[in-house]
Amino acid sequence: MTDLTAIPQSQQRVASLVASGLMDKEIARDLGISPGAVKDRVERLLRYAGVRNRVQLTVWWLRQTGQLRETVQ
């Protein structure tokens, strides 16, 4: 697991909302920031997590926060 304390609280909130299925405009409205600011935060999260899209970010976030376990086959 990644040390989530390295991610600012504002970005953690964005990651949580992305994982909840919200789109940038909805996240912006919820947080009281612009959709452009949300997009920037999502892009930073994608780079930090080493993933390419929101679905991969969601899986990464849920694993990091213990909400999704990896299965062993």
Protein backbone atom coordinates (compact mmCIF):
# COMPACT_ATOMS: atom_id res chain seq x y z
CA MET A 1 0.00 0.00 0.00
CA THR A 2 1.01 3.56 -0.69
CA ASP A 3 1.47 6.06 2.12
CA LEU A 4 -1.67 8.11 1.63
CA THR A 5 -0.34 10.88 3.86
CA ALA A 6 1.79 11.88 0.85
CA ILE A 7 -1.42 12.82 -0.96
CA PRO A 8 -3.00 16.14 0.11
CA GLN A 9 -6.44 15.86 1.73
CA SER A 10 -8.01 17.76 -1.16
CA GLN A 11 -6.71 15.21 -3.65
CA GLN A 12 -7.77 12.33 -1.40
CA ARG A 13 -11.30 13.73 -1.43
CA VAL A 14 -11.21 13.93 -5.23
CA ALA A 15 -9.99 10.32 -5.43
CA SER A 16 -12.80 9.22 -3.15
CA LEU A 17 -15.40 11.03 -5.24
CA VAL A 18 -13.98 9.62 -8.49
CA ALA A 19 -14.19 6.17 -6.92
CA SER A 20 -17.83 6.91 -6.07
CA GLY A 21 -18.51 7.39 -9.77
CA LEU A 22 -18.88 11.15 -9.89
CA MET A 23 -17.85 13.15 -12.94
CA ASP A 24 -15.66 16.27 -12.83
CA LYS A 25 -18.60 18.72 -12.86
CA GLU A 26 -20.28 16.88 -9.99
CA ILE A 27 -17.04 16.78 -7.99
CA ALA A 28 -16.47 20.48 -8.67
CA ARG A 29 -19.95 21.33 -7.43
CA ASP A 30 -19.51 19.15 -4.33
CA LEU A 31 -16.14 20.70 -3.44
CA GLY A 32 -16.90 24.25 -4.55
CA ILE A 33 -14.04 24.36 -7.06
CA SER A 34 -13.87 24.64 -10.83
CA PRO A 35 -14.10 21.61 -13.12
CA GLY A 36 -10.63 22.56 -14.39
CA ALA A 37 -9.23 22.29 -10.86
CA VAL A 38 -10.82 18.85 -10.54
CA LYS A 39 -9.31 17.78 -13.86
CA ASP A 40 -5.86 18.93 -12.68
CA ARG A 41 -6.20 16.99 -9.42
CA VAL A 42 -7.38 13.86 -11.23
CA GLU A 43 -4.41 14.09 -13.61
CA ARG A 44 -2.01 14.41 -10.66
CA LEU A 45 -3.63 11.41 -8.99
CA LEU A 46 -3.33 9.37 -12.18
CA ARG A 47 0.40 10.13 -12.34
CA TYR A 48 0.91 9.46 -8.64
CA ALA A 49 -0.91 6.13 -8.80
CA GLY A 50 0.81 5.16 -12.05
CA VAL A 51 -2.48 4.45 -13.81
CA ARG A 52 -4.00 5.62 -17.09
CA ASN A 53 -7.70 6.19 -16.48
CA ARG A 54 -10.43 6.77 -13.90
CA VAL A 55 -11.38 3.09 -13.69
CA GLN A 56 -7.80 2.13 -12.83
CA LEU A 57 -7.65 5.06 -10.40
CA THR A 58 -10.81 3.80 -8.71
CA VAL A 59 -9.41 0.30 -8.30
CA TRP A 60 -6.10 1.72 -7.01
CA TRP A 61 -7.90 4.02 -4.53
CA LEU A 62 -10.18 1.28 -3.22
CA ARG A 63 -7.17 -1.00 -2.68
CA GLN A 64 -5.18 1.74 -0.97
CA THR A 65 -8.02 2.49 1.41
CA GLY A 66 -8.74 -1.16 2.16
CA GLN A 67 -12.15 -1.15 0.51
CA LEU A 68 -11.07 -3.69 -2.12
CA ARG A 69 -8.81 -6.63 -1.57
CA GLU A 70 -6.72 -8.29 -4.22
CA THR A 71 -7.77 -11.83 -4.88
CA VAL A 72 -5.28 -14.67 -4.98
CA GLN A 73 -5.81 -17.21 -7.71
